[in-house]
Amino acid sequence: MRIKGFLVILLLVVIVVFFLFVSKRGDKSQLQEQVKAFSEVREKTTRTNLTSLERAIDFFIAQNGRTPNDLKEVQTFNRSIYVESDAWGNPVKYERLSDSNFRLISAGKDKTFGTEDDIVIKN
């Protein structure tokens, strides 16, 4: 019975030492690299989705001779396009500039429009 208790305590000590070793070793840099890579994937995904949406709007313009009033009009015209938000879950902003020009904007990582991390596609 005493041996089982000693083994349990020894196992707990080994686990604590292991976690202390891992935390002191600096595995935080690896975690930071993974977070950065994940953020880059989100940005690339958003750019790809906005480019796809841009092509759908260009097709709408070619068929109708004008830019759509909003994104819902594009989705009604082409049901295969469904991009309402970016990779961070923010809504995509569509701005109709003229009958042939428009702008698509993602608020980016900080989820605030008008900052330097916004992703903008202007046509």
PDB file of N, CA and C in Angstrom:
ATOM      1  N   MET A   1       0.816  -1.184   0.000  1.00  0.00           N
ATOM      2  CA  MET A   1       0.000   0.000   0.000  1.00  0.00           C
ATOM      3  C   MET A   1       0.866   1.257   0.000  1.00  0.00           C
ATOM      4  N   ARG A   2       1.936   1.236   0.813  1.00  0.00           N
ATOM      5  CA  ARG A   2       2.838   2.379   0.867  1.00  0.00           C
ATOM      6  C   ARG A   2       3.571   2.554  -0.452  1.00  0.00           C
ATOM      7  N   ILE A   3       3.860   1.484  -1.137  1.00  0.00           N
ATOM      8  CA  ILE A   3       4.565   1.556  -2.410  1.00  0.00           C
ATOM      9  C   ILE A   3       3.680   2.225  -3.459  1.00  0.00           C
ATOM     10  N   LYS A   4       2.385   1.911  -3.477  1.00  0.00           N
ATOM     11  CA  LYS A   4       1.458   2.529  -4.434  1.00  0.00           C
ATOM     12  C   LYS A   4       1.372   4.039  -4.189  1.00  0.00           C
ATOM     13  N   GLY A   5       1.295   4.438  -2.929  1.00  0.00           N
ATOM     14  CA  GLY A   5       1.246   5.856  -2.598  1.00  0.00           C
ATOM     15  C   GLY A   5       2.516   6.577  -3.021  1.00  0.00           C
ATOM     16  N   PHE A   6       3.671   5.927  -2.796  1.00  0.00           N
ATOM     17  CA  PHE A   6       4.951   6.492  -3.199  1.00  0.00           C
ATOM     18  C   PHE A   6       5.021   6.638  -4.719  1.00  0.00           C
ATOM     19  N   LEU A   7       4.554   5.635  -5.443  1.00  0.00           N
ATOM     20  CA  LEU A   7       4.572   5.695  -6.906  1.00  0.00           C
ATOM     21  C   LEU A   7       3.669   6.811  -7.430  1.00  0.00           C
ATOM     22  N   VAL A   8       2.526   7.008  -6.812  1.00  0.00           N
ATOM     23  CA  VAL A   8       1.620   8.087  -7.232  1.00  0.00           C
ATOM     24  C   VAL A   8       2.290   9.440  -7.007  1.00  0.00           C
ATOM     25  N   ILE A   9       2.905   9.613  -5.853  1.00  0.00           N
ATOM     26  CA  ILE A   9       3.590  10.875  -5.555  1.00  0.00           C
ATOM     27  C   ILE A   9       4.759  11.082  -6.516  1.00  0.00           C
ATOM     28  N   LEU A  10       5.517  10.020  -6.779  1.00  0.00           N
ATOM     29  CA  LEU A  10       6.635  10.102  -7.716  1.00  0.00           C
ATOM     30  C   LEU A  10       6.139  10.491  -9.110  1.00  0.00           C
ATOM     31  N   LEU A  11       5.054   9.897  -9.538  1.00  0.00           N
ATOM     32  CA  LEU A  11       4.474  10.224 -10.848  1.00  0.00           C
ATOM     33  C   LEU A  11       4.027  11.681 -10.909  1.00  0.00           C
ATOM     34  N   LEU A  12       3.414  12.172  -9.858  1.00  0.00           N
ATOM     35  CA  LEU A  12       2.995  13.578  -9.825  1.00  0.00           C
ATOM     36  C   LEU A  12       4.205  14.515  -9.877  1.00  0.00           C
ATOM     37  N   VAL A  13       5.268  14.170  -9.170  1.00  0.00           N
ATOM     38  CA  VAL A  13       6.480  14.987  -9.188  1.00  0.00           C
ATOM     39  C   VAL A  13       7.074  15.010 -10.594  1.00  0.00           C
ATOM     40  N   VAL A  14       7.112  13.864 -11.258  1.00  0.00           N
ATOM     41  CA  VAL A  14       7.650  13.798 -12.621  1.00  0.00           C
ATOM     42  C   VAL A  14       6.810  14.664 -13.557  1.00  0.00           C
ATOM     43  N   ILE A  15       5.493  14.619 -13.428  1.00  0.00           N
ATOM     44  CA  ILE A  15       4.611  15.434 -14.272  1.00  0.00           C
ATOM     45  C   ILE A  15       4.853  16.917 -14.027  1.00  0.00           C
ATOM     46  N   VAL A  16       4.959  17.331 -12.778  1.00  0.00           N
ATOM     47  CA  VAL A  16       5.212  18.740 -12.450  1.00  0.00           C
ATOM     48  C   VAL A  16       6.553  19.190 -13.022  1.00  0.00           C
ATOM     49  N   VAL A  17       7.578  18.359 -12.854  1.00  0.00           N
ATOM     50  CA  VAL A  17       8.894  18.711 -13.392  1.00  0.00           C
ATOM     51  C   VAL A  17       8.837  18.823 -14.905  1.00  0.00           C
ATOM     52  N   PHE A  18       8.129  17.918 -15.556  1.00  0.00           N
ATOM     53  CA  PHE A  18       7.992  17.968 -17.010  1.00  0.00           C
ATOM     54  C   PHE A  18       7.339  19.273 -17.454  1.00  0.00           C
ATOM     55  N   PHE A  19       6.232  19.664 -16.813  1.00  0.00           N
ATOM     56  CA  PHE A  19       5.555  20.903 -17.198  1.00  0.00           C
ATOM     57  C   PHE A  19       6.409  22.132 -16.911  1.00  0.00           C
ATOM     58  N   LEU A  20       7.157  22.104 -15.828  1.00  0.00           N
ATOM     59  CA  LEU A  20       8.065  23.218 -15.560  1.00  0.00           C
ATOM     60  C   LEU A  20       9.153  23.298 -16.626  1.00  0.00           C
ATOM     61  N   PHE A  21       9.683  22.172 -17.025  1.00  0.00           N
ATOM     62  CA  PHE A  21      10.709  22.134 -18.065  1.00  0.00           C
ATOM     63  C   PHE A  21      10.159  22.672 -19.385  1.00  0.00           C
ATOM     64  N   VAL A  22       8.967  22.241 -19.771  1.00  0.00           N
ATOM     65  CA  VAL A  22       8.365  22.682 -21.035  1.00  0.00           C
ATOM     66  C   VAL A  22       8.066  24.174 -20.992  1.00  0.00           C
ATOM     67  N   SER A  23       7.557  24.661 -19.872  1.00  0.00           N
ATOM     68  CA  SER A  23       7.230  26.088 -19.792  1.00  0.00           C
ATOM     69  C   SER A  23       8.478  26.966 -19.798  1.00  0.00           C
ATOM     70  N   LYS A  24       9.575  26.514 -19.217  1.00  0.00           N
ATOM     71  CA  LYS A  24      10.815  27.284 -19.200  1.00  0.00           C
ATOM     72  C   LYS A  24      11.574  27.193 -20.518  1.00  0.00           C
ATOM     73  N   ARG A  25      11.348  26.138 -21.274  1.00  0.00           N
ATOM     74  CA  ARG A  25      12.118  25.882 -22.488  1.00  0.00           C
ATOM     75  C   ARG A  25      11.830  26.874 -23.600  1.00  0.00           C
ATOM     76  N   GLY A  26      10.673  27.501 -23.590  1.00  0.00           N
ATOM     77  CA  GLY A  26      10.399  28.507 -24.602  1.00  0.00           C
ATOM     78  C   GLY A  26       9.550  28.007 -25.755  1.00  0.00           C
ATOM     79  N   ASP A  27       8.648  27.112 -25.509  1.00  0.00           N
ATOM     80  CA  ASP A  27       7.754  26.640 -26.563  1.00  0.00           C
ATOM     81  C   ASP A  27       6.747  27.717 -26.966  1.00  0.00           C
ATOM     82  N   LYS A  28       6.812  28.843 -26.301  1.00  0.00           N
ATOM     83  CA  LYS A  28       5.913  29.945 -26.655  1.00  0.00           C
ATOM     84  C   LYS A  28       6.210  30.464 -28.053  1.00  0.00           C
ATOM     85  N   SER A  29       7.462  30.419 -28.470  1.00  0.00           N
ATOM     86  CA  SER A  29       7.797  30.900 -29.805  1.00  0.00           C
ATOM     87  C   SER A  29       7.140  30.035 -30.874  1.00  0.00           C
ATOM     88  N   GLN A  30       7.075  28.750 -30.637  1.00  0.00           N
ATOM     89  CA  GLN A  30       6.404  27.861 -31.583  1.00  0.00           C
ATOM     90  C   GLN A  30       4.918  28.183 -31.636  1.00  0.00           C
ATOM     91  N   LEU A  31       4.330  28.450 -30.503  1.00  0.00           N
ATOM     92  CA  LEU A  31       2.916  28.825 -30.465  1.00  0.00           C
ATOM     93  C   LEU A  31       2.697  30.143 -31.199  1.00  0.00           C
ATOM     94  N   GLN A  32       3.597  31.094 -31.011  1.00  0.00           N
ATOM     95  CA  GLN A  32       3.484  32.372 -31.704  1.00  0.00           C
ATOM     96  C   GLN A  32       3.594  32.193 -33.211  1.00  0.00           C
ATOM     97  N   GLU A  33       4.469  31.297 -33.654  1.00  0.00           N
ATOM     98  CA  GLU A  33       4.596  31.019 -35.085  1.00  0.00           C
ATOM     99  C   GLU A  33       3.319  30.408 -35.640  1.00  0.00           C
ATOM    100  N   GLN A  34       2.701  29.527 -34.886  1.00  0.00           N
ATOM    101  CA  GLN A  34       1.457  28.906 -35.325  1.00  0.00           C
ATOM    102  C   GLN A  34       0.327  29.927 -35.395  1.00  0.00           C
ATOM    103  N   VAL A  35       0.271  30.824 -34.432  1.00  0.00           N
ATOM    104  CA  VAL A  35      -0.751  31.875 -34.447  1.00  0.00           C
ATOM    105  C   VAL A  35      -0.540  32.792 -35.646  1.00  0.00           C
ATOM    106  N   LYS A  36       0.710  33.130 -35.931  1.00  0.00           N
ATOM    107  CA  LYS A  36       1.024  33.975 -37.088  1.00  0.00           C
ATOM    108  C   LYS A  36       0.648  33.277 -38.385  1.00  0.00           C
ATOM    109  N   ALA A  37       0.961  31.981 -38.495  1.00  0.00           N
ATOM    110  CA  ALA A  37       0.610  31.221 -39.700  1.00  0.00           C
ATOM    111  C   ALA A  37      -0.898  31.144 -39.868  1.00  0.00           C
ATOM    112  N   PHE A  38      -1.619  30.961 -38.787  1.00  0.00           N
ATOM    113  CA  PHE A  38      -3.081  30.909 -38.842  1.00  0.00           C
ATOM    114  C   PHE A  38      -3.647  32.247 -39.296  1.00  0.00           C
ATOM    115  N   SER A  39      -3.070  33.332 -38.817  1.00  0.00           N
ATOM    116  CA  SER A  39      -3.505  34.664 -39.227  1.00  0.00           C
ATOM    117  C   SER A  39      -3.251  34.888 -40.719  1.00  0.00           C
ATOM    118  N   GLU A  40      -2.097  34.412 -41.207  1.00  0.00           N
ATOM    119  CA  GLU A  40      -1.788  34.542 -42.635  1.00  0.00           C
ATOM    120  C   GLU A  40      -2.763  33.733 -43.484  1.00  0.00           C
ATOM    121  N   VAL A  41      -3.156  32.566 -43.010  1.00  0.00           N
ATOM    122  CA  VAL A  41      -4.141  31.755 -43.734  1.00  0.00           C
ATOM    123  C   VAL A  41      -5.479  32.481 -43.786  1.00  0.00           C
ATOM    124  N   ARG A  42      -5.859  33.109 -42.690  1.00  0.00           N
ATOM    125  CA  ARG A  42      -7.115  33.875 -42.683  1.00  0.00           C
ATOM    126  C   ARG A  42      -7.068  35.006 -43.707  1.00  0.00           C
ATOM    127  N   GLU A  43      -5.934  35.701 -43.772  1.00  0.00           N
ATOM    128  CA  GLU A  43      -5.811  36.799 -44.725  1.00  0.00           C
ATOM    129  C   GLU A  43      -5.888  36.283 -46.165  1.00  0.00           C
ATOM    130  N   LYS A  44      -5.182  35.189 -46.462  1.00  0.00           N
ATOM    131  CA  LYS A  44      -5.220  34.626 -47.813  1.00  0.00           C
ATOM    132  C   LYS A  44      -6.622  34.140 -48.174  1.00  0.00           C
ATOM    133  N   THR A  45      -7.302  33.527 -47.218  1.00  0.00           N
ATOM    134  CA  THR A  45      -8.673  33.063 -47.456  1.00  0.00           C
ATOM    135  C   THR A  45      -9.590  34.237 -47.754  1.00  0.00           C
ATOM    136  N   THR A  46      -9.449  35.313 -46.997  1.00  0.00           N
ATOM    137  CA  THR A  46     -10.272  36.496 -47.223  1.00  0.00           C
ATOM    138  C   THR A  46      -9.994  37.092 -48.589  1.00  0.00           C
ATOM    139  N   ARG A  47      -8.723  37.208 -48.960  1.00  0.00           N
ATOM    140  CA  ARG A  47      -8.372  37.740 -50.290  1.00  0.00           C
ATOM    141  C   ARG A  47      -8.960  36.869 -51.402  1.00  0.00           C
ATOM    142  N   THR A  48      -8.884  35.559 -51.242  1.00  0.00           N
ATOM    143  CA  THR A  48      -9.439  34.643 -52.236  1.00  0.00           C
ATOM    144  C   THR A  48     -10.953  34.807 -52.340  1.00  0.00           C
ATOM    145  N   ASN A  49     -11.631  34.888 -51.202  1.00  0.00           N
ATOM    146  CA  ASN A  49     -13.085  35.065 -51.212  1.00  0.00           C
ATOM    147  C   ASN A  49     -13.491  36.406 -51.832  1.00  0.00           C
ATOM    148  N   LEU A  50     -12.739  37.458 -51.518  1.00  0.00           N
ATOM    149  CA  LEU A  50     -13.055  38.763 -52.093  1.00  0.00           C
ATOM    150  C   LEU A  50     -12.817  38.768 -53.599  1.00  0.00           C
ATOM    151  N   THR A  51     -11.773  38.090 -54.047  1.00  0.00           N
ATOM    152  CA  THR A  51     -11.506  37.984 -55.485  1.00  0.00           C
ATOM    153  C   THR A  51     -12.625  37.221 -56.188  1.00  0.00           C
ATOM    154  N   SER A  52     -13.102  36.172 -55.570  1.00  0.00           N
ATOM    155  CA  SER A  52     -14.220  35.401 -56.119  1.00  0.00           C
ATOM    156  C   SER A  52     -15.478  36.266 -56.200  1.00  0.00           C
ATOM    157  N   LEU A  53     -15.709  37.035 -55.169  1.00  0.00           N
ATOM    158  CA  LEU A  53     -16.857  37.942 -55.154  1.00  0.00           C
ATOM    159  C   LEU A  53     -16.693  39.031 -56.211  1.00  0.00           C
ATOM    160  N   GLU A  54     -15.470  39.519 -56.375  1.00  0.00           N
ATOM    161  CA  GLU A  54     -15.191  40.525 -57.403  1.00  0.00           C
ATOM    162  C   GLU A  54     -15.540  39.988 -58.794  1.00  0.00           C
ATOM    163  N   ARG A  55     -15.167  38.756 -59.061  1.00  0.00           N
ATOM    164  CA  ARG A  55     -15.482  38.150 -60.363  1.00  0.00           C
ATOM    165  C   ARG A  55     -16.990  38.016 -60.563  1.00  0.00           C
ATOM    166  N   ALA A  56     -17.697  37.656 -59.520  1.00  0.00           N
ATOM    167  CA  ALA A  56     -19.154  37.544 -59.614  1.00  0.00           C
ATOM    168  C   ALA A  56     -19.782  38.911 -59.902  1.00  0.00           C
ATOM    169  N   ILE A  57     -19.245  39.955 -59.280  1.00  0.00           N
ATOM    170  CA  ILE A  57     -19.756  41.309 -59.526  1.00  0.00           C
ATOM    171  C   ILE A  57     -19.423  41.744 -60.946  1.00  0.00           C
ATOM    172  N   ASP A  58     -18.215  41.414 -61.411  1.00  0.00           N
ATOM    173  CA  ASP A  58     -17.853  41.724 -62.799  1.00  0.00           C
ATOM    174  C   ASP A  58     -18.809  41.040 -63.778  1.00  0.00           C
ATOM    175  N   PHE A  59     -19.165  39.801 -63.496  1.00  0.00           N
ATOM    176  CA  PHE A  59     -20.113  39.080 -64.344  1.00  0.00           C
ATOM    177  C   PHE A  59     -21.484  39.757 -64.301  1.00  0.00           C
ATOM    178  N   PHE A  60     -21.890  40.198 -63.117  1.00  0.00           N
ATOM    179  CA  PHE A  60     -23.157  40.924 -62.969  1.00  0.00           C
ATOM    180  C   PHE A  60     -23.133  42.187 -63.822  1.00  0.00           C
ATOM    181  N   ILE A  61     -22.020  42.922 -63.763  1.00  0.00           N
ATOM    182  CA  ILE A  61     -21.889  44.161 -64.544  1.00  0.00           C
ATOM    183  C   ILE A  61     -21.963  43.850 -66.036  1.00  0.00           C
ATOM    184  N   ALA A  62     -21.300  42.786 -66.474  1.00  0.00           N
ATOM    185  CA  ALA A  62     -21.317  42.413 -67.893  1.00  0.00           C
ATOM    186  C   ALA A  62     -22.735  42.059 -68.360  1.00  0.00           C
ATOM    187  N   GLN A  63     -23.514  41.447 -67.494  1.00  0.00           N
ATOM    188  CA  GLN A  63     -24.862  41.030 -67.869  1.00  0.00           C
ATOM    189  C   GLN A  63     -25.889  42.160 -67.759  1.00  0.00           C
ATOM    190  N   ASN A  64     -25.693  43.063 -66.814  1.00  0.00           N
ATOM    191  CA  ASN A  64     -26.698  44.088 -66.527  1.00  0.00           C
ATOM    192  C   ASN A  64     -26.285  45.509 -66.901  1.00  0.00           C
ATOM    193  N   GLY A  65     -25.024  45.719 -67.210  1.00  0.00           N
ATOM    194  CA  GLY A  65     -24.564  47.036 -67.606  1.00  0.00           C
ATOM    195  C   GLY A  65     -24.406  48.026 -66.468  1.00  0.00           C
ATOM    196  N   ARG A  66     -24.418  47.536 -65.258  1.00  0.00           N
ATOM    197  CA  ARG A  66     -24.269  48.408 -64.080  1.00  0.00           C
ATOM    198  C   ARG A  66     -23.795  47.578 -62.896  1.00  0.00           C
ATOM    199  N   THR A  67     -23.269  48.258 -61.890  1.00  0.00           N
ATOM    200  CA  THR A  67     -22.888  47.551 -60.668  1.00  0.00           C
ATOM    201  C   THR A  67     -24.143  47.254 -59.853  1.00  0.00           C
ATOM    202  N   PRO A  68     -24.119  46.199 -59.070  1.00  0.00           N
ATOM    203  CA  PRO A  68     -25.285  45.906 -58.229  1.00  0.00           C
ATOM    204  C   PRO A  68     -25.422  46.944 -57.117  1.00  0.00           C
ATOM    205  N   ASN A  69     -26.635  47.075 -56.616  1.00  0.00           N
ATOM    206  CA  ASN A  69     -26.869  48.022 -55.520  1.00  0.00           C
ATOM    207  C   ASN A  69     -26.276  47.532 -54.207  1.00  0.00           C
ATOM    208  N   ASP A  70     -26.278  46.209 -54.011  1.00  0.00           N
ATOM    209  CA  ASP A  70     -25.724  45.610 -52.801  1.00  0.00           C
ATOM    210  C   ASP A  70     -25.328  44.161 -53.085  1.00  0.00           C
ATOM    211  N   LEU A  71     -24.736  43.507 -52.100  1.00  0.00           N
ATOM    212  CA  LEU A  71     -24.281  42.133 -52.292  1.00  0.00           C
ATOM    213  C   LEU A  71     -25.438  41.145 -52.416  1.00  0.00           C
ATOM    214  N   LYS A  72     -26.563  41.478 -51.811  1.00  0.00           N
ATOM    215  CA  LYS A  72     -27.726  40.590 -51.923  1.00  0.00           C
ATOM    216  C   LYS A  72     -28.192  40.481 -53.367  1.00  0.00           C
ATOM    217  N   GLU A  73     -28.067  41.556 -54.116  1.00  0.00           N
ATOM    218  CA  GLU A  73     -28.444  41.539 -55.525  1.00  0.00           C
ATOM    219  C   GLU A  73     -27.521  40.600 -56.315  1.00  0.00           C
ATOM    220  N   VAL A  74     -26.245  40.572 -55.959  1.00  0.00           N
ATOM    221  CA  VAL A  74     -25.299  39.662 -56.608  1.00  0.00           C
ATOM    222  C   VAL A  74     -25.656  38.217 -56.254  1.00  0.00           C
ATOM    223  N   GLN A  75     -25.980  37.977 -55.000  1.00  0.00           N
ATOM    224  CA  GLN A  75     -26.320  36.627 -54.567  1.00  0.00           C
ATOM    225  C   GLN A  75     -27.630  36.152 -55.197  1.00  0.00           C
ATOM    226  N   THR A  76     -28.561  37.047 -55.416  1.00  0.00           N
ATOM    227  CA  THR A  76     -29.802  36.689 -56.090  1.00  0.00           C
ATOM    228  C   THR A  76     -29.523  36.351 -57.549  1.00  0.00           C
ATOM    229  N   PHE A  77     -28.636  37.097 -58.158  1.00  0.00           N
ATOM    230  CA  PHE A  77     -28.273  36.894 -59.571  1.00  0.00           C
ATOM    231  C   PHE A  77     -27.473  35.606 -59.758  1.00  0.00           C
ATOM    232  N   ASN A  78     -26.547  35.331 -58.842  1.00  0.00           N
ATOM    233  CA  ASN A  78     -25.677  34.161 -58.940  1.00  0.00           C
ATOM    234  C   ASN A  78     -25.706  33.431 -57.603  1.00  0.00           C
ATOM    235  N   ARG A  79     -26.531  32.425 -57.486  1.00  0.00           N
ATOM    236  CA  ARG A  79     -26.733  31.719 -56.204  1.00  0.00           C
ATOM    237  C   ARG A  79     -25.502  30.949 -55.723  1.00  0.00           C
ATOM    238  N   SER A  80     -24.542  30.703 -56.600  1.00  0.00           N
ATOM    239  CA  SER A  80     -23.346  29.964 -56.177  1.00  0.00           C
ATOM    240  C   SER A  80     -22.383  30.842 -55.378  1.00  0.00           C
ATOM    241  N   ILE A  81     -22.582  32.144 -55.408  1.00  0.00           N
ATOM    242  CA  ILE A  81     -21.728  33.070 -54.650  1.00  0.00           C
ATOM    243  C   ILE A  81     -22.403  33.377 -53.322  1.00  0.00           C
ATOM    244  N   TYR A  82     -21.691  33.095 -52.257  1.00  0.00           N
ATOM    245  CA  TYR A  82     -22.218  33.390 -50.930  1.00  0.00           C
ATOM    246  C   TYR A  82     -21.064  33.813 -50.038  1.00  0.00           C
ATOM    247  N   VAL A  83     -20.706  35.067 -50.112  1.00  0.00           N
ATOM    248  CA  VAL A  83     -19.643  35.619 -49.268  1.00  0.00           C
ATOM    249  C   VAL A  83     -20.244  36.804 -48.529  1.00  0.00           C
ATOM    250  N   GLU A  84     -20.550  36.604 -47.270  1.00  0.00           N
ATOM    251  CA  GLU A  84     -21.076  37.695 -46.456  1.00  0.00           C
ATOM    252  C   GLU A  84     -20.065  38.188 -45.439  1.00  0.00           C
ATOM    253  N   SER A  85     -19.121  37.313 -45.091  1.00  0.00           N
ATOM    254  CA  SER A  85     -18.156  37.709 -44.068  1.00  0.00           C
ATOM    255  C   SER A  85     -16.755  37.243 -44.456  1.00  0.00           C
ATOM    256  N   ASP A  86     -15.776  37.872 -43.817  1.00  0.00           N
ATOM    257  CA  ASP A  86     -14.387  37.493 -44.061  1.00  0.00           C
ATOM    258  C   ASP A  86     -13.995  36.337 -43.138  1.00  0.00           C
ATOM    259  N   ALA A  87     -12.745  35.979 -43.153  1.00  0.00           N
ATOM    260  CA  ALA A  87     -12.277  34.832 -42.366  1.00  0.00           C
ATOM    261  C   ALA A  87     -12.278  35.102 -40.859  1.00  0.00           C
ATOM    262  N   TRP A  88     -12.436  36.342 -40.460  1.00  0.00           N
ATOM    263  CA  TRP A  88     -12.520  36.686 -39.037  1.00  0.00           C
ATOM    264  C   TRP A  88     -13.967  36.810 -38.574  1.00  0.00           C
ATOM    265  N   GLY A  89     -14.910  36.589 -39.482  1.00  0.00           N
ATOM    266  CA  GLY A  89     -16.329  36.672 -39.134  1.00  0.00           C
ATOM    267  C   GLY A  89     -16.918  38.065 -39.266  1.00  0.00           C
ATOM    268  N   ASN A  90     -16.154  39.002 -39.833  1.00  0.00           N
ATOM    269  CA  ASN A  90     -16.646  40.367 -40.031  1.00  0.00           C
ATOM    270  C   ASN A  90     -17.433  40.441 -41.331  1.00  0.00           C
ATOM    271  N   PRO A  91     -18.451  41.270 -41.387  1.00  0.00           N
ATOM    272  CA  PRO A  91     -19.167  41.421 -42.661  1.00  0.00           C
ATOM    273  C   PRO A  91     -18.279  42.095 -43.709  1.00  0.00           C
ATOM    274  N   VAL A  92     -18.440  41.667 -44.955  1.00  0.00           N
ATOM    275  CA  VAL A  92     -17.723  42.291 -46.059  1.00  0.00           C
ATOM    276  C   VAL A  92     -18.495  43.547 -46.456  1.00  0.00           C
ATOM    277  N   LYS A  93     -17.779  44.645 -46.595  1.00  0.00           N
ATOM    278  CA  LYS A  93     -18.410  45.908 -46.971  1.00  0.00           C
ATOM    279  C   LYS A  93     -18.305  46.091 -48.485  1.00  0.00           C
ATOM    280  N   TYR A  94     -19.445  46.369 -49.103  1.00  0.00           N
ATOM    281  CA  TYR A  94     -19.500  46.623 -50.548  1.00  0.00           C
ATOM    282  C   TYR A  94     -19.856  48.088 -50.744  1.00  0.00           C
ATOM    283  N   GLU A  95     -19.063  48.783 -51.563  1.00  0.00           N
ATOM    284  CA  GLU A  95     -19.352  50.183 -51.872  1.00  0.00           C
ATOM    285  C   GLU A  95     -19.496  50.326 -53.381  1.00  0.00           C
ATOM    286  N   ARG A  96     -20.627  50.809 -53.802  1.00  0.00           N
ATOM    287  CA  ARG A  96     -20.877  51.072 -55.219  1.00  0.00           C
ATOM    288  C   ARG A  96     -20.338  52.461 -55.519  1.00  0.00           C
ATOM    289  N   LEU A  97     -19.308  52.553 -56.352  1.00  0.00           N
ATOM    290  CA  LEU A  97     -18.679  53.836 -56.652  1.00  0.00           C
ATOM    291  C   LEU A  97     -19.292  54.504 -57.881  1.00  0.00           C
ATOM    292  N   SER A  98     -19.677  53.688 -58.874  1.00  0.00           N
ATOM    293  CA  SER A  98     -20.317  54.202 -60.090  1.00  0.00           C
ATOM    294  C   SER A  98     -21.006  53.026 -60.780  1.00  0.00           C
ATOM    295  N   ASP A  99     -21.476  53.237 -62.017  1.00  0.00           N
ATOM    296  CA  ASP A  99     -22.118  52.145 -62.740  1.00  0.00           C
ATOM    297  C   ASP A  99     -21.143  51.052 -63.151  1.00  0.00           C
ATOM    298  N   SER A 100     -19.844  51.333 -63.081  1.00  0.00           N
ATOM    299  CA  SER A 100     -18.869  50.317 -63.476  1.00  0.00           C
ATOM    300  C   SER A 100     -17.771  50.072 -62.435  1.00  0.00           C
ATOM    301  N   ASN A 101     -17.790  50.815 -61.357  1.00  0.00           N
ATOM    302  CA  ASN A 101     -16.742  50.692 -60.341  1.00  0.00           C
ATOM    303  C   ASN A 101     -17.333  50.411 -58.962  1.00  0.00           C
ATOM    304  N   PHE A 102     -16.604  49.622 -58.205  1.00  0.00           N
ATOM    305  CA  PHE A 102     -17.029  49.260 -56.848  1.00  0.00           C
ATOM    306  C   PHE A 102     -15.802  48.960 -56.006  1.00  0.00           C
ATOM    307  N   ARG A 103     -16.037  48.806 -54.717  1.00  0.00           N
ATOM    308  CA  ARG A 103     -14.953  48.479 -53.786  1.00  0.00           C
ATOM    309  C   ARG A 103     -15.479  47.452 -52.787  1.00  0.00           C
ATOM    310  N   LEU A 104     -14.656  46.439 -52.505  1.00  0.00           N
ATOM    311  CA  LEU A 104     -14.947  45.445 -51.476  1.00  0.00           C
ATOM    312  C   LEU A 104     -13.940  45.635 -50.353  1.00  0.00           C
ATOM    313  N   ILE A 105     -14.420  45.629 -49.117  1.00  0.00           N
ATOM    314  CA  ILE A 105     -13.543  45.884 -47.981  1.00  0.00           C
ATOM    315  C   ILE A 105     -13.791  44.856 -46.879  1.00  0.00           C
ATOM    316  N   SER A 106     -12.687  44.291 -46.392  1.00  0.00           N
ATOM    317  CA  SER A 106     -12.715  43.457 -45.191  1.00  0.00           C
ATOM    318  C   SER A 106     -12.083  44.274 -44.068  1.00  0.00           C
ATOM    319  N   ALA A 107     -12.683  44.245 -42.901  1.00  0.00           N
ATOM    320  CA  ALA A 107     -12.151  45.010 -41.769  1.00  0.00           C
ATOM    321  C   ALA A 107     -10.835  44.425 -41.259  1.00  0.00           C
ATOM    322  N   GLY A 108     -10.527  43.195 -41.630  1.00  0.00           N
ATOM    323  CA  GLY A 108      -9.259  42.601 -41.232  1.00  0.00           C
ATOM    324  C   GLY A 108      -9.248  42.080 -39.813  1.00  0.00           C
ATOM    325  N   LYS A 109      -8.061  41.802 -39.349  1.00  0.00           N
ATOM    326  CA  LYS A 109      -7.866  41.149 -38.061  1.00  0.00           C
ATOM    327  C   LYS A 109      -8.405  41.968 -36.884  1.00  0.00           C
ATOM    328  N   ASP A 110      -8.277  43.288 -36.954  1.00  0.00           N
ATOM    329  CA  ASP A 110      -8.711  44.104 -35.816  1.00  0.00           C
ATOM    330  C   ASP A 110     -10.218  44.367 -35.804  1.00  0.00           C
ATOM    331  N   LYS A 111     -10.921  43.906 -36.840  1.00  0.00           N
ATOM    332  CA  LYS A 111     -12.387  43.996 -36.945  1.00  0.00           C
ATOM    333  C   LYS A 111     -12.901  45.432 -36.962  1.00  0.00           C
ATOM    334  N   THR A 112     -12.058  46.365 -37.421  1.00  0.00           N
ATOM    335  CA  THR A 112     -12.432  47.772 -37.490  1.00  0.00           C
ATOM    336  C   THR A 112     -12.153  48.289 -38.894  1.00  0.00           C
ATOM    337  N   PHE A 113     -13.187  48.849 -39.534  1.00  0.00           N
ATOM    338  CA  PHE A 113     -13.000  49.426 -40.859  1.00  0.00           C
ATOM    339  C   PHE A 113     -12.208  50.726 -40.756  1.00  0.00           C
ATOM    340  N   GLY A 114     -11.412  50.989 -41.795  1.00  0.00           N
ATOM    341  CA  GLY A 114     -10.667  52.239 -41.859  1.00  0.00           C
ATOM    342  C   GLY A 114      -9.302  52.189 -41.201  1.00  0.00           C
ATOM    343  N   THR A 115      -8.821  51.000 -40.886  1.00  0.00           N
ATOM    344  CA  THR A 115      -7.481  50.874 -40.309  1.00  0.00           C
ATOM    345  C   THR A 115      -6.544  50.264 -41.352  1.00  0.00           C
ATOM    346  N   GLU A 116      -5.256  50.229 -41.037  1.00  0.00           N
ATOM    347  CA  GLU A 116      -4.282  49.792 -42.042  1.00  0.00           C
ATOM    348  C   GLU A 116      -4.306  48.297 -42.334  1.00  0.00           C
ATOM    349  N   ASP A 117      -4.973  47.498 -41.502  1.00  0.00           N
ATOM    350  CA  ASP A 117      -5.013  46.062 -41.806  1.00  0.00           C
ATOM    351  C   ASP A 117      -6.221  45.670 -42.656  1.00  0.00           C
ATOM    352  N   ASP A 118      -7.013  46.667 -43.099  1.00  0.00           N
ATOM    353  CA  ASP A 118      -8.151  46.376 -43.973  1.00  0.00           C
ATOM    354  C   ASP A 118      -7.656  45.772 -45.280  1.00  0.00           C
ATOM    355  N   ILE A 119      -8.447  44.863 -45.816  1.00  0.00           N
ATOM    356  CA  ILE A 119      -8.154  44.267 -47.132  1.00  0.00           C
ATOM    357  C   ILE A 119      -9.145  44.879 -48.109  1.00  0.00           C
ATOM    358  N   VAL A 120      -8.622  45.582 -49.101  1.00  0.00           N
ATOM    359  CA  VAL A 120      -9.470  46.330 -50.039  1.00  0.00           C
ATOM    360  C   VAL A 120      -9.227  45.839 -51.456  1.00  0.00           C
ATOM    361  N   ILE A 121     -10.320  45.578 -52.158  1.00  0.00           N
ATOM    362  CA  ILE A 121     -10.263  45.264 -53.587  1.00  0.00           C
ATOM    363  C   ILE A 121     -11.119  46.299 -54.293  1.00  0.00           C
ATOM    364  N   LYS A 122     -10.470  47.062 -55.169  1.00  0.00           N
ATOM    365  CA  LYS A 122     -11.159  48.125 -55.879  1.00  0.00           C
ATOM    366  C   LYS A 122     -11.171  47.803 -57.363  1.00  0.00           C
ATOM    367  N   ASN A 123     -12.324  47.958 -57.976  1.00  0.00           N
ATOM    368  CA  ASN A 123     -12.464  47.677 -59.400  1.00  0.00           C
ATOM    369  C   ASN A 123     -12.976  48.927 -60.082  1.00  0.00           C
TER     370      ASN A 123
END
